[in-house]
Amino acid sequence: MSCQQLVELVTEYLEGALPAEDAQRFEAHLADCDWCDRYVEQMRVTIRTVGRLDERALSPAAQEQLLFAFRDWNGGEQPPRGRQE
C-alpha cells in the first residue's frame, strides 16, 4: 500500500469499515512508515478533540469557509448542496 492509498482509506480505517485484508495492509504500512503513522495519530487526536459536527449546526458562512478551505481535497469536486444523510 502506498502512502497516497493510506491517506485515501484513513477514514474508513478509523471507523472500522475497512475489509480485514485492507486493514491488515493498512497496518503493515503503518508499521513501516513513520510519516503515515504520525498522520493517522494526528487524525485520531483531531477526531477526539473536535468530535463530530452536525452540518446543520454550522452557519451558512461557516459552511462556505470550510468548503473554500477544503475545495481541492477531493480533486476540486464539491459535495452536492443540501445533501441529506
C-alpha atoms as a PDB file:
ATOM      1  CA  MET A   1       0.000   0.000   0.000  1.00  0.00           C
ATOM      2  CA  SER A   2       1.321   3.425  -0.902  1.00  0.00           C
ATOM      3  CA  CYS A   3       1.141   6.492   1.318  1.00  0.00           C
ATOM      4  CA  GLN A   4      -1.481   8.001  -1.022  1.00  0.00           C
ATOM      5  CA  GLN A   5      -3.658   4.884  -0.748  1.00  0.00           C
ATOM      6  CA  LEU A   6      -3.389   5.012   3.036  1.00  0.00           C
ATOM      7  CA  VAL A   7      -4.489   8.648   3.116  1.00  0.00           C
ATOM      8  CA  GLU A   8      -7.493   7.798   0.933  1.00  0.00           C
ATOM      9  CA  LEU A   9      -8.514   4.970   3.311  1.00  0.00           C
ATOM     10  CA  VAL A  10      -7.816   6.573   6.685  1.00  0.00           C
ATOM     11  CA  THR A  11     -11.434   7.491   7.445  1.00  0.00           C
ATOM     12  CA  GLU A  12     -12.692   4.003   6.686  1.00  0.00           C
ATOM     13  CA  TYR A  13      -9.867   2.538   8.774  1.00  0.00           C
ATOM     14  CA  LEU A  14     -10.581   4.734  11.783  1.00  0.00           C
ATOM     15  CA  GLU A  15     -14.302   3.931  11.533  1.00  0.00           C
ATOM     16  CA  GLY A  16     -13.546   0.190  11.403  1.00  0.00           C
ATOM     17  CA  ALA A  17     -15.120  -0.058   7.957  1.00  0.00           C
ATOM     18  CA  LEU A  18     -12.171  -1.482   6.000  1.00  0.00           C
ATOM     19  CA  PRO A  19     -12.338  -5.116   4.938  1.00  0.00           C
ATOM     20  CA  ALA A  20      -9.958  -7.259   7.024  1.00  0.00           C
ATOM     21  CA  GLU A  21      -7.447  -7.714   4.205  1.00  0.00           C
ATOM     22  CA  ASP A  22      -7.233  -3.963   3.558  1.00  0.00           C
ATOM     23  CA  ALA A  23      -6.966  -3.239   7.289  1.00  0.00           C
ATOM     24  CA  GLN A  24      -4.010  -5.647   7.503  1.00  0.00           C
ATOM     25  CA  ARG A  25      -2.306  -3.923   4.561  1.00  0.00           C
ATOM     26  CA  PHE A  26      -3.031  -0.547   6.171  1.00  0.00           C
ATOM     27  CA  GLU A  27      -1.500  -1.622   9.489  1.00  0.00           C
ATOM     28  CA  ALA A  28       1.518  -3.188   7.757  1.00  0.00           C
ATOM     29  CA  HIS A  29       2.167   0.137   6.037  1.00  0.00           C
ATOM     30  CA  LEU A  30       1.860   1.996   9.355  1.00  0.00           C
ATOM     31  CA  ALA A  31       4.416  -0.349  10.912  1.00  0.00           C
ATOM     32  CA  ASP A  32       6.948   0.596   8.222  1.00  0.00           C
ATOM     33  CA  CYS A  33       6.137   4.289   7.626  1.00  0.00           C
ATOM     34  CA  ASP A  34       6.699   6.774  10.437  1.00  0.00           C
ATOM     35  CA  TRP A  35       5.123   9.607   8.406  1.00  0.00           C
ATOM     36  CA  CYS A  36       1.848   7.765   7.857  1.00  0.00           C
ATOM     37  CA  ASP A  37       1.833   6.531  11.442  1.00  0.00           C
ATOM     38  CA  ARG A  38       2.153  10.159  12.580  1.00  0.00           C
ATOM     39  CA  TYR A  39      -0.600  11.223  10.148  1.00  0.00           C
ATOM     40  CA  VAL A  40      -3.040   8.601  11.458  1.00  0.00           C
ATOM     41  CA  GLU A  41      -2.277   9.612  15.044  1.00  0.00           C
ATOM     42  CA  GLN A  42      -2.926  13.269  14.145  1.00  0.00           C
ATOM     43  CA  MET A  43      -6.274  12.227  12.678  1.00  0.00           C
ATOM     44  CA  ARG A  44      -7.136  10.338  15.885  1.00  0.00           C
ATOM     45  CA  VAL A  45      -6.256  13.367  18.015  1.00  0.00           C
ATOM     46  CA  THR A  46      -8.292  15.651  15.759  1.00  0.00           C
ATOM     47  CA  ILE A  47     -11.322  13.382  15.994  1.00  0.00           C
ATOM     48  CA  ARG A  48     -11.043  13.166  19.780  1.00  0.00           C
ATOM     49  CA  THR A  49     -10.571  16.927  20.080  1.00  0.00           C
ATOM     50  CA  VAL A  50     -13.213  18.129  17.667  1.00  0.00           C
ATOM     51  CA  GLY A  51     -15.666  15.281  17.796  1.00  0.00           C
ATOM     52  CA  ARG A  52     -18.453  15.224  15.267  1.00  0.00           C
ATOM     53  CA  LEU A  53     -20.086  18.352  13.946  1.00  0.00           C
ATOM     54  CA  ASP A  54     -23.602  18.213  12.652  1.00  0.00           C
ATOM     55  CA  GLU A  55     -23.761  20.042   9.329  1.00  0.00           C
ATOM     56  CA  ARG A  56     -26.965  21.763  10.461  1.00  0.00           C
ATOM     57  CA  ALA A  57     -25.112  23.276  13.438  1.00  0.00           C
ATOM     58  CA  LEU A  58     -22.896  25.339  11.125  1.00  0.00           C
ATOM     59  CA  SER A  59     -23.930  28.731   9.884  1.00  0.00           C
ATOM     60  CA  PRO A  60     -24.033  29.181   6.094  1.00  0.00           C
ATOM     61  CA  ALA A  61     -20.937  31.402   6.363  1.00  0.00           C
ATOM     62  CA  ALA A  62     -19.033  28.708   8.292  1.00  0.00           C
ATOM     63  CA  GLN A  63     -20.076  26.087   5.734  1.00  0.00           C
ATOM     64  CA  GLU A  64     -18.783  28.279   2.905  1.00  0.00           C
ATOM     65  CA  GLN A  65     -15.487  28.855   4.738  1.00  0.00           C
ATOM     66  CA  LEU A  66     -14.995  25.112   5.210  1.00  0.00           C
ATOM     67  CA  LEU A  67     -15.878  24.371   1.596  1.00  0.00           C
ATOM     68  CA  PHE A  68     -13.394  27.024   0.479  1.00  0.00           C
ATOM     69  CA  ALA A  69     -10.657  25.689   2.776  1.00  0.00           C
ATOM     70  CA  PHE A  70     -11.076  22.122   1.523  1.00  0.00           C
ATOM     71  CA  ARG A  71     -12.027  22.795  -2.111  1.00  0.00           C
ATOM     72  CA  ASP A  72      -9.060  20.844  -3.508  1.00  0.00           C
ATOM     73  CA  TRP A  73      -9.267  17.993  -1.011  1.00  0.00           C
ATOM     74  CA  ASN A  74     -11.254  15.734  -3.384  1.00  0.00           C
ATOM     75  CA  GLY A  75      -9.595  16.818  -6.592  1.00  0.00           C
ATOM     76  CA  GLY A  76     -11.673  20.003  -6.651  1.00  0.00           C
ATOM     77  CA  GLU A  77     -15.036  18.198  -6.537  1.00  0.00           C
ATOM     78  CA  GLN A  78     -17.633  19.795  -4.294  1.00  0.00           C
ATOM     79  CA  PRO A  79     -20.210  17.832  -2.301  1.00  0.00           C
ATOM     80  CA  PRO A  80     -23.779  18.218  -3.509  1.00  0.00           C
ATOM     81  CA  ARG A  81     -25.645  21.074  -1.841  1.00  0.00           C
ATOM     82  CA  GLY A  82     -28.444  20.164   0.549  1.00  0.00           C
ATOM     83  CA  ARG A  83     -27.468  16.505   0.760  1.00  0.00           C
ATOM     84  CA  GLN A  84     -29.428  14.642   3.411  1.00  0.00           C
ATOM     85  CA  GLU A  85     -27.867  11.725   5.260  1.00  0.00           C
END
